[in-house]
Amino acid sequence: MEISGKIIAVLPERGGVSQRTGTEWKVATYVIETMEQYPKKCAFEVFGADKIQLFNVQVGQLLTVSFDIDAHDYQGRWYNSIRAWRVQPYDPNAPVAPAGPAPGFDTAAQPVAPFPPTSAAPVAAVQPEAPAQPEPTTLTPAFPGESSDDLPF
């Protein structure tokens, strides 16, 4: 997925040592704001000291960020992870990707068959029904001497 916008926040880097492998890791979090009529904000992460240095994201930059979204469970609660794998300067003249199959998806390899008919009988045209008319209701007093209307006075 991709999002384009302006970087509005660069949060402090976090890091540590992996308990599984013993290697050091770093992650940086950035906030991007889209340039739409109603701007949206999205926090994304860049994982790895080499990528953090390569992307060199700064506040105020106009960027296009390619990212993956994943979710993980921690003690019964679910958390989203938005991890960038490519960060490029924003190009307003860049062609917009057509809405179609994902890159690498070969449509020729998977022929599309029409939906099979549900029955062998031809389908008749359905005529819309006239809306039902509500039946008139008559109110009868629940107690003797009570009026039939439901006004409070």
N, C-alpha and C. Protein backbone atom coordinates (compact mmCIF):
# COMPACT_ATOMS: atom_id res chain seq x y z
N MET A 1 0.84 -1.16 0.00
CA MET A 1 0.00 0.00 0.00
C MET A 1 0.90 1.23 0.00
N GLU A 2 0.30 2.34 -0.42
CA GLU A 2 1.05 3.59 -0.46
C GLU A 2 0.24 4.72 0.12
N ILE A 3 0.95 5.69 0.66
CA ILE A 3 0.32 6.91 1.16
C ILE A 3 1.29 8.05 0.86
N SER A 4 0.75 9.19 0.46
CA SER A 4 1.57 10.36 0.19
C SER A 4 1.13 11.48 1.10
N GLY A 5 2.09 12.29 1.53
CA GLY A 5 1.76 13.40 2.38
C GLY A 5 2.99 14.06 2.94
N LYS A 6 2.75 14.87 3.97
CA LYS A 6 3.80 15.65 4.61
C LYS A 6 4.12 15.04 5.97
N ILE A 7 5.41 14.90 6.29
CA ILE A 7 5.83 14.38 7.58
C ILE A 7 5.61 15.48 8.61
N ILE A 8 4.78 15.18 9.64
CA ILE A 8 4.48 16.18 10.66
C ILE A 8 5.13 15.87 12.00
N ALA A 9 5.66 14.66 12.17
CA ALA A 9 6.32 14.32 13.43
C ALA A 9 7.34 13.21 13.21
N VAL A 10 8.48 13.36 13.89
CA VAL A 10 9.51 12.33 13.93
C VAL A 10 9.69 11.99 15.40
N LEU A 11 9.30 10.79 15.76
CA LEU A 11 9.38 10.36 17.17
C LEU A 11 10.77 9.81 17.46
N PRO A 12 11.17 9.78 18.73
CA PRO A 12 12.50 9.25 19.08
C PRO A 12 12.64 7.78 18.68
N GLU A 13 13.85 7.44 18.26
CA GLU A 13 14.12 6.04 17.89
C GLU A 13 14.07 5.17 19.13
N ARG A 14 13.63 3.94 18.92
CA ARG A 14 13.66 2.93 19.98
C ARG A 14 14.59 1.83 19.53
N GLY A 15 15.14 1.14 20.48
CA GLY A 15 16.05 0.06 20.13
C GLY A 15 16.21 -0.91 21.28
N GLY A 16 16.89 -1.98 20.99
CA GLY A 16 17.13 -2.99 22.00
C GLY A 16 17.93 -4.14 21.41
N VAL A 17 17.94 -5.22 22.16
CA VAL A 17 18.65 -6.43 21.73
C VAL A 17 17.63 -7.55 21.69
N SER A 18 17.61 -8.29 20.59
CA SER A 18 16.69 -9.39 20.40
C SER A 18 17.01 -10.51 21.38
N GLN A 19 16.00 -10.98 22.10
CA GLN A 19 16.21 -12.09 23.03
C GLN A 19 16.45 -13.39 22.29
N ARG A 20 15.86 -13.50 21.11
CA ARG A 20 15.99 -14.73 20.34
C ARG A 20 17.34 -14.86 19.67
N THR A 21 17.81 -13.78 19.01
CA THR A 21 19.05 -13.87 18.24
C THR A 21 20.22 -13.14 18.89
N GLY A 22 19.94 -12.22 19.81
CA GLY A 22 21.01 -11.47 20.45
C GLY A 22 21.53 -10.31 19.61
N THR A 23 20.87 -10.01 18.51
CA THR A 23 21.31 -8.90 17.65
C THR A 23 20.60 -7.62 18.06
N GLU A 24 21.26 -6.50 17.79
CA GLU A 24 20.71 -5.20 18.13
C GLU A 24 19.71 -4.77 17.05
N TRP A 25 18.64 -4.08 17.48
CA TRP A 25 17.63 -3.60 16.54
C TRP A 25 17.27 -2.16 16.87
N LYS A 26 16.76 -1.44 15.83
CA LYS A 26 16.29 -0.07 15.98
C LYS A 26 15.04 0.10 15.15
N VAL A 27 14.14 0.94 15.66
CA VAL A 27 12.93 1.26 14.93
C VAL A 27 12.63 2.76 15.14
N ALA A 28 12.22 3.42 14.07
CA ALA A 28 11.86 4.83 14.14
C ALA A 28 10.41 4.97 13.71
N THR A 29 9.67 5.85 14.40
CA THR A 29 8.26 6.08 14.08
C THR A 29 8.09 7.50 13.57
N TYR A 30 7.31 7.63 12.48
CA TYR A 30 7.05 8.91 11.86
C TYR A 30 5.54 9.06 11.68
N VAL A 31 5.07 10.30 11.60
CA VAL A 31 3.66 10.57 11.36
C VAL A 31 3.56 11.36 10.06
N ILE A 32 2.73 10.85 9.15
CA ILE A 32 2.51 11.51 7.86
C ILE A 32 1.06 11.99 7.80
N GLU A 33 0.85 13.15 7.19
CA GLU A 33 -0.50 13.70 7.03
C GLU A 33 -0.78 13.83 5.54
N THR A 34 -1.91 13.27 5.11
CA THR A 34 -2.25 13.29 3.69
C THR A 34 -2.63 14.70 3.25
N MET A 35 -2.66 14.92 1.95
CA MET A 35 -2.95 16.23 1.38
C MET A 35 -4.33 16.25 0.75
N GLU A 36 -5.30 15.67 1.41
CA GLU A 36 -6.67 15.60 0.90
C GLU A 36 -7.48 16.75 1.47
N GLN A 37 -8.74 16.86 1.01
CA GLN A 37 -9.61 17.90 1.54
C GLN A 37 -9.76 17.74 3.05
N TYR A 38 -9.89 16.50 3.51
CA TYR A 38 -9.96 16.18 4.93
C TYR A 38 -8.74 15.33 5.25
N PRO A 39 -7.63 15.97 5.64
CA PRO A 39 -6.37 15.24 5.84
C PRO A 39 -6.48 14.16 6.91
N LYS A 40 -5.78 13.08 6.66
CA LYS A 40 -5.71 11.97 7.61
C LYS A 40 -4.26 11.83 8.05
N LYS A 41 -4.07 11.37 9.26
CA LYS A 41 -2.73 11.16 9.79
C LYS A 41 -2.50 9.66 9.95
N CYS A 42 -1.26 9.24 9.71
CA CYS A 42 -0.91 7.83 9.83
C CYS A 42 0.50 7.74 10.41
N ALA A 43 0.64 6.97 11.48
CA ALA A 43 1.96 6.71 12.05
C ALA A 43 2.50 5.43 11.42
N PHE A 44 3.74 5.50 10.95
CA PHE A 44 4.37 4.31 10.36
C PHE A 44 5.76 4.16 10.94
N GLU A 45 6.28 2.95 10.84
CA GLU A 45 7.60 2.64 11.40
C GLU A 45 8.56 2.25 10.30
N VAL A 46 9.83 2.57 10.53
CA VAL A 46 10.92 2.10 9.69
C VAL A 46 11.79 1.26 10.60
N PHE A 47 11.98 -0.01 10.23
CA PHE A 47 12.72 -0.95 11.06
C PHE A 47 14.12 -1.16 10.50
N GLY A 48 15.10 -1.03 11.36
CA GLY A 48 16.49 -1.27 10.97
C GLY A 48 17.28 0.02 10.85
N ALA A 49 18.44 0.06 11.50
CA ALA A 49 19.28 1.25 11.50
C ALA A 49 19.69 1.64 10.08
N ASP A 50 19.95 0.64 9.22
CA ASP A 50 20.36 0.93 7.85
C ASP A 50 19.25 1.64 7.07
N LYS A 51 18.00 1.20 7.22
CA LYS A 51 16.89 1.84 6.51
C LYS A 51 16.57 3.21 7.09
N ILE A 52 16.68 3.35 8.41
CA ILE A 52 16.44 4.65 9.04
C ILE A 52 17.41 5.67 8.47
N GLN A 53 18.68 5.27 8.34
CA GLN A 53 19.69 6.17 7.80
C GLN A 53 19.48 6.39 6.30
N LEU A 54 19.11 5.36 5.56
CA LEU A 54 18.90 5.47 4.12
C LEU A 54 17.74 6.40 3.80
N PHE A 55 16.61 6.24 4.50
CA PHE A 55 15.43 7.06 4.21
C PHE A 55 15.60 8.48 4.73
N ASN A 56 16.29 8.69 5.86
CA ASN A 56 16.58 10.00 6.42
C ASN A 56 15.35 10.92 6.41
N VAL A 57 14.28 10.46 7.02
CA VAL A 57 13.01 11.19 7.04
C VAL A 57 13.11 12.38 7.98
N GLN A 58 12.68 13.57 7.50
CA GLN A 58 12.72 14.81 8.28
C GLN A 58 11.34 15.44 8.31
N VAL A 59 11.05 16.19 9.37
CA VAL A 59 9.78 16.91 9.49
C VAL A 59 9.67 17.91 8.34
N GLY A 60 8.47 17.97 7.73
CA GLY A 60 8.20 18.92 6.65
C GLY A 60 8.39 18.34 5.26
N GLN A 61 9.02 17.18 5.14
CA GLN A 61 9.23 16.58 3.83
C GLN A 61 7.91 16.09 3.24
N LEU A 62 7.77 16.20 1.92
CA LEU A 62 6.65 15.61 1.20
C LEU A 62 7.15 14.28 0.66
N LEU A 63 6.51 13.18 1.09
CA LEU A 63 6.99 11.84 0.77
C LEU A 63 5.85 10.94 0.30
N THR A 64 6.23 9.90 -0.41
CA THR A 64 5.34 8.78 -0.73
C THR A 64 5.93 7.57 -0.02
N VAL A 65 5.13 6.96 0.84
CA VAL A 65 5.59 5.85 1.66
C VAL A 65 4.87 4.57 1.23
N SER A 66 5.64 3.54 0.91
CA SER A 66 5.09 2.22 0.62
C SER A 66 5.25 1.39 1.89
N PHE A 67 4.17 0.71 2.27
CA PHE A 67 4.20 0.02 3.56
C PHE A 67 3.36 -1.25 3.53
N ASP A 68 3.58 -2.07 4.54
CA ASP A 68 2.79 -3.28 4.78
C ASP A 68 2.06 -3.10 6.09
N ILE A 69 0.85 -3.62 6.16
CA ILE A 69 0.08 -3.58 7.40
C ILE A 69 -0.03 -5.00 7.93
N ASP A 70 0.20 -5.14 9.23
CA ASP A 70 0.08 -6.44 9.87
C ASP A 70 -0.47 -6.21 11.27
N ALA A 71 -1.03 -7.22 11.86
CA ALA A 71 -1.55 -7.12 13.22
C ALA A 71 -0.99 -8.28 14.03
N HIS A 72 -0.77 -8.03 15.32
CA HIS A 72 -0.28 -9.08 16.21
C HIS A 72 -1.02 -9.02 17.54
N ASP A 73 -1.05 -10.16 18.19
CA ASP A 73 -1.75 -10.31 19.46
C ASP A 73 -0.74 -10.23 20.60
N TYR A 74 -1.07 -9.45 21.62
CA TYR A 74 -0.24 -9.39 22.81
C TYR A 74 -1.16 -9.40 24.02
N GLN A 75 -1.13 -10.46 24.76
CA GLN A 75 -1.93 -10.65 25.96
C GLN A 75 -3.42 -10.41 25.71
N GLY A 76 -3.92 -10.98 24.62
CA GLY A 76 -5.34 -10.92 24.31
C GLY A 76 -5.79 -9.66 23.62
N ARG A 77 -4.89 -8.71 23.36
CA ARG A 77 -5.25 -7.48 22.64
C ARG A 77 -4.52 -7.47 21.30
N TRP A 78 -5.14 -6.88 20.30
CA TRP A 78 -4.56 -6.83 18.96
C TRP A 78 -4.04 -5.44 18.66
N TYR A 79 -2.88 -5.40 18.01
CA TYR A 79 -2.22 -4.14 17.67
C TYR A 79 -1.84 -4.17 16.19
N ASN A 80 -2.02 -3.04 15.51
CA ASN A 80 -1.62 -2.91 14.11
C ASN A 80 -0.18 -2.48 14.02
N SER A 81 0.46 -2.94 12.98
CA SER A 81 1.83 -2.53 12.70
C SER A 81 1.86 -2.05 11.25
N ILE A 82 2.29 -0.80 11.06
CA ILE A 82 2.40 -0.24 9.71
C ILE A 82 3.89 0.01 9.48
N ARG A 83 4.51 -0.89 8.70
CA ARG A 83 5.96 -0.86 8.53
C ARG A 83 6.31 -0.48 7.09
N ALA A 84 7.06 0.62 6.95
CA ALA A 84 7.47 1.11 5.64
C ALA A 84 8.59 0.25 5.07
N TRP A 85 8.53 -0.01 3.79
CA TRP A 85 9.61 -0.73 3.13
C TRP A 85 10.23 0.11 2.02
N ARG A 86 9.57 1.23 1.68
CA ARG A 86 10.16 2.16 0.71
C ARG A 86 9.64 3.56 1.04
N VAL A 87 10.55 4.55 1.01
CA VAL A 87 10.19 5.94 1.22
C VAL A 87 10.83 6.73 0.10
N GLN A 88 9.99 7.49 -0.64
CA GLN A 88 10.47 8.26 -1.79
C GLN A 88 9.98 9.70 -1.69
N PRO A 89 10.69 10.64 -2.30
CA PRO A 89 10.17 12.00 -2.37
C PRO A 89 8.85 12.00 -3.14
N TYR A 90 7.91 12.83 -2.70
CA TYR A 90 6.60 12.91 -3.34
C TYR A 90 6.74 13.53 -4.72
N ASP A 91 6.13 12.91 -5.72
CA ASP A 91 6.13 13.42 -7.09
C ASP A 91 4.68 13.62 -7.51
N PRO A 92 4.20 14.88 -7.57
CA PRO A 92 2.79 15.10 -7.94
C PRO A 92 2.48 14.70 -9.37
N ASN A 93 3.51 14.54 -10.21
CA ASN A 93 3.29 14.16 -11.60
C ASN A 93 3.38 12.66 -11.83
N ALA A 94 3.64 11.91 -10.78
CA ALA A 94 3.75 10.45 -10.91
C ALA A 94 2.40 9.88 -11.31
N PRO A 95 2.41 8.92 -12.23
CA PRO A 95 1.13 8.32 -12.62
C PRO A 95 0.51 7.55 -11.47
N VAL A 96 -0.78 7.64 -11.38
CA VAL A 96 -1.51 6.90 -10.35
C VAL A 96 -1.67 5.48 -10.81
N ALA A 97 -1.37 4.53 -9.95
CA ALA A 97 -1.49 3.12 -10.30
C ALA A 97 -2.94 2.78 -10.60
N PRO A 98 -3.20 2.08 -11.70
CA PRO A 98 -4.58 1.73 -12.01
C PRO A 98 -5.14 0.76 -10.98
N ALA A 99 -6.43 0.88 -10.75
CA ALA A 99 -7.08 -0.05 -9.82
C ALA A 99 -7.25 -1.37 -10.53
N GLY A 100 -6.50 -2.34 -10.18
CA GLY A 100 -6.55 -3.64 -10.83
C GLY A 100 -5.83 -4.66 -9.97
N PRO A 101 -5.43 -5.76 -10.59
CA PRO A 101 -4.75 -6.79 -9.82
C PRO A 101 -3.42 -6.29 -9.28
N ALA A 102 -2.97 -6.89 -8.21
CA ALA A 102 -1.70 -6.53 -7.60
C ALA A 102 -0.56 -6.83 -8.56
N PRO A 103 0.57 -6.10 -8.45
CA PRO A 103 1.71 -6.37 -9.31
C PRO A 103 2.14 -7.82 -9.17
N GLY A 104 2.46 -8.44 -10.30
CA GLY A 104 2.88 -9.83 -10.28
C GLY A 104 1.73 -10.81 -10.38
N PHE A 105 0.50 -10.32 -10.37
CA PHE A 105 -0.66 -11.18 -10.48
C PHE A 105 -0.95 -11.39 -11.95
N ASP A 106 -0.89 -12.62 -12.41
CA ASP A 106 -1.07 -12.92 -13.82
C ASP A 106 -2.52 -13.26 -14.09
N THR A 107 -3.25 -12.33 -14.71
CA THR A 107 -4.67 -12.56 -14.97
C THR A 107 -4.87 -13.58 -16.09
N ALA A 108 -3.90 -13.71 -16.98
CA ALA A 108 -4.04 -14.66 -18.07
C ALA A 108 -3.97 -16.10 -17.55
N ALA A 109 -3.26 -16.32 -16.47
CA ALA A 109 -3.10 -17.66 -15.95
C ALA A 109 -4.35 -18.16 -15.23
N GLN A 110 -5.24 -17.24 -14.88
CA GLN A 110 -6.44 -17.62 -14.15
C GLN A 110 -7.66 -17.12 -14.90
N PRO A 111 -8.23 -17.96 -15.80
CA PRO A 111 -9.38 -17.51 -16.57
C PRO A 111 -10.57 -17.25 -15.65
N VAL A 112 -11.34 -16.28 -16.03
CA VAL A 112 -12.52 -15.92 -15.25
C VAL A 112 -13.74 -16.52 -15.94
N ALA A 113 -14.45 -17.37 -15.23
CA ALA A 113 -15.64 -18.00 -15.78
C ALA A 113 -16.87 -17.25 -15.28
N PRO A 114 -17.91 -17.18 -16.11
CA PRO A 114 -19.12 -16.52 -15.63
C PRO A 114 -19.75 -17.35 -14.52
N PHE A 115 -20.58 -16.69 -13.71
CA PHE A 115 -21.27 -17.41 -12.64
C PHE A 115 -22.20 -18.44 -13.27
N PRO A 116 -22.23 -19.65 -12.73
CA PRO A 116 -23.14 -20.66 -13.28
C PRO A 116 -24.58 -20.28 -12.95
N PRO A 117 -25.51 -20.64 -13.85
CA PRO A 117 -26.92 -20.34 -13.55
C PRO A 117 -27.38 -21.14 -12.34
N THR A 118 -28.30 -20.59 -11.58
CA THR A 118 -28.78 -21.27 -10.39
C THR A 118 -29.82 -22.33 -10.72
N SER A 119 -30.49 -22.19 -11.85
CA SER A 119 -31.44 -23.21 -12.28
C SER A 119 -31.48 -23.23 -13.80
N ALA A 120 -32.02 -24.31 -14.35
CA ALA A 120 -32.09 -24.44 -15.79
C ALA A 120 -33.24 -23.62 -16.37
N ALA A 121 -34.21 -23.25 -15.55
CA ALA A 121 -35.36 -22.49 -16.03
C ALA A 121 -34.96 -21.04 -16.28
N PRO A 122 -35.54 -20.43 -17.34
CA PRO A 122 -35.22 -19.03 -17.59
C PRO A 122 -35.76 -18.15 -16.46
N VAL A 123 -35.08 -17.07 -16.25
CA VAL A 123 -35.47 -16.14 -15.18
C VAL A 123 -36.47 -15.15 -15.74
N ALA A 124 -37.64 -15.04 -15.09
CA ALA A 124 -38.66 -14.09 -15.53
C ALA A 124 -38.36 -12.73 -14.94
N ALA A 125 -38.79 -11.71 -15.66
CA ALA A 125 -38.60 -10.35 -15.16
C ALA A 125 -39.47 -10.16 -13.92
N VAL A 126 -38.92 -9.57 -12.93
CA VAL A 126 -39.62 -9.35 -11.68
C VAL A 126 -40.28 -7.98 -11.73
N GLN A 127 -41.59 -7.96 -11.47
CA GLN A 127 -42.33 -6.70 -11.44
C GLN A 127 -42.29 -6.17 -10.02
N PRO A 128 -42.01 -4.89 -9.85
CA PRO A 128 -42.01 -4.35 -8.49
C PRO A 128 -43.43 -4.33 -7.94
N GLU A 129 -43.54 -4.65 -6.67
CA GLU A 129 -44.84 -4.65 -6.03
C GLU A 129 -45.21 -3.25 -5.59
N ALA A 130 -46.51 -2.98 -5.58
CA ALA A 130 -46.97 -1.69 -5.08
C ALA A 130 -46.76 -1.65 -3.57
N PRO A 131 -46.38 -0.50 -3.03
CA PRO A 131 -46.17 -0.45 -1.58
C PRO A 131 -47.47 -0.73 -0.84
N ALA A 132 -47.33 -1.46 0.24
CA ALA A 132 -48.51 -1.83 1.03
C ALA A 132 -49.08 -0.59 1.71
N GLN A 133 -50.40 -0.49 1.70
CA GLN A 133 -51.08 0.63 2.35
C GLN A 133 -51.35 0.24 3.80
N PRO A 134 -51.02 1.12 4.73
CA PRO A 134 -51.28 0.77 6.13
C PRO A 134 -52.78 0.74 6.40
N GLU A 135 -53.15 -0.22 7.23
CA GLU A 135 -54.56 -0.33 7.57
C GLU A 135 -54.93 0.72 8.60
N PRO A 136 -56.12 1.33 8.48
CA PRO A 136 -56.52 2.31 9.47
C PRO A 136 -56.75 1.62 10.81
N THR A 137 -56.32 2.27 11.86
CA THR A 137 -56.48 1.71 13.19
C THR A 137 -57.48 2.56 13.96
N THR A 138 -58.25 1.88 14.75
CA THR A 138 -59.19 2.59 15.61
C THR A 138 -58.76 2.36 17.04
N LEU A 139 -58.69 3.43 17.79
CA LEU A 139 -58.27 3.32 19.18
C LEU A 139 -59.50 3.14 20.04
N THR A 140 -59.43 2.17 20.90
CA THR A 140 -60.53 1.97 21.84
C THR A 140 -60.00 2.29 23.23
N PRO A 141 -60.81 2.96 24.04
CA PRO A 141 -60.35 3.31 25.37
C PRO A 141 -60.11 2.06 26.21
N ALA A 142 -59.02 2.09 26.99
CA ALA A 142 -58.70 0.96 27.85
C ALA A 142 -59.57 0.95 29.08
N PHE A 143 -60.00 2.11 29.53
CA PHE A 143 -60.83 2.21 30.73
C PHE A 143 -62.10 2.99 30.40
N PRO A 144 -63.21 2.65 31.06
CA PRO A 144 -64.44 3.40 30.80
C PRO A 144 -64.26 4.88 31.17
N GLY A 145 -64.78 5.75 30.35
CA GLY A 145 -64.71 7.17 30.58
C GLY A 145 -63.42 7.80 30.05
N GLU A 146 -62.49 7.01 29.53
CA GLU A 146 -61.24 7.52 28.97
C GLU A 146 -61.45 7.84 27.51
N SER A 147 -60.82 8.91 27.01
CA SER A 147 -60.99 9.26 25.60
C SER A 147 -60.12 8.35 24.75
N SER A 148 -60.44 8.27 23.46
CA SER A 148 -59.73 7.37 22.57
C SER A 148 -58.43 7.97 22.02
N ASP A 149 -58.23 9.26 22.20
CA ASP A 149 -56.95 9.84 21.73
C ASP A 149 -55.88 9.64 22.80
N ASP A 150 -54.64 9.78 22.40
CA ASP A 150 -53.55 9.55 23.35
C ASP A 150 -52.89 10.85 23.82
N LEU A 151 -53.65 11.94 23.78
CA LEU A 151 -53.11 13.21 24.24
C LEU A 151 -53.07 13.22 25.78
N PRO A 152 -52.08 13.87 26.37
CA PRO A 152 -51.95 13.84 27.82
C PRO A 152 -52.90 14.76 28.55
N PHE A 153 -53.77 15.51 27.88
CA PHE A 153 -54.70 16.42 28.54
C PHE A 153 -56.09 16.24 28.02
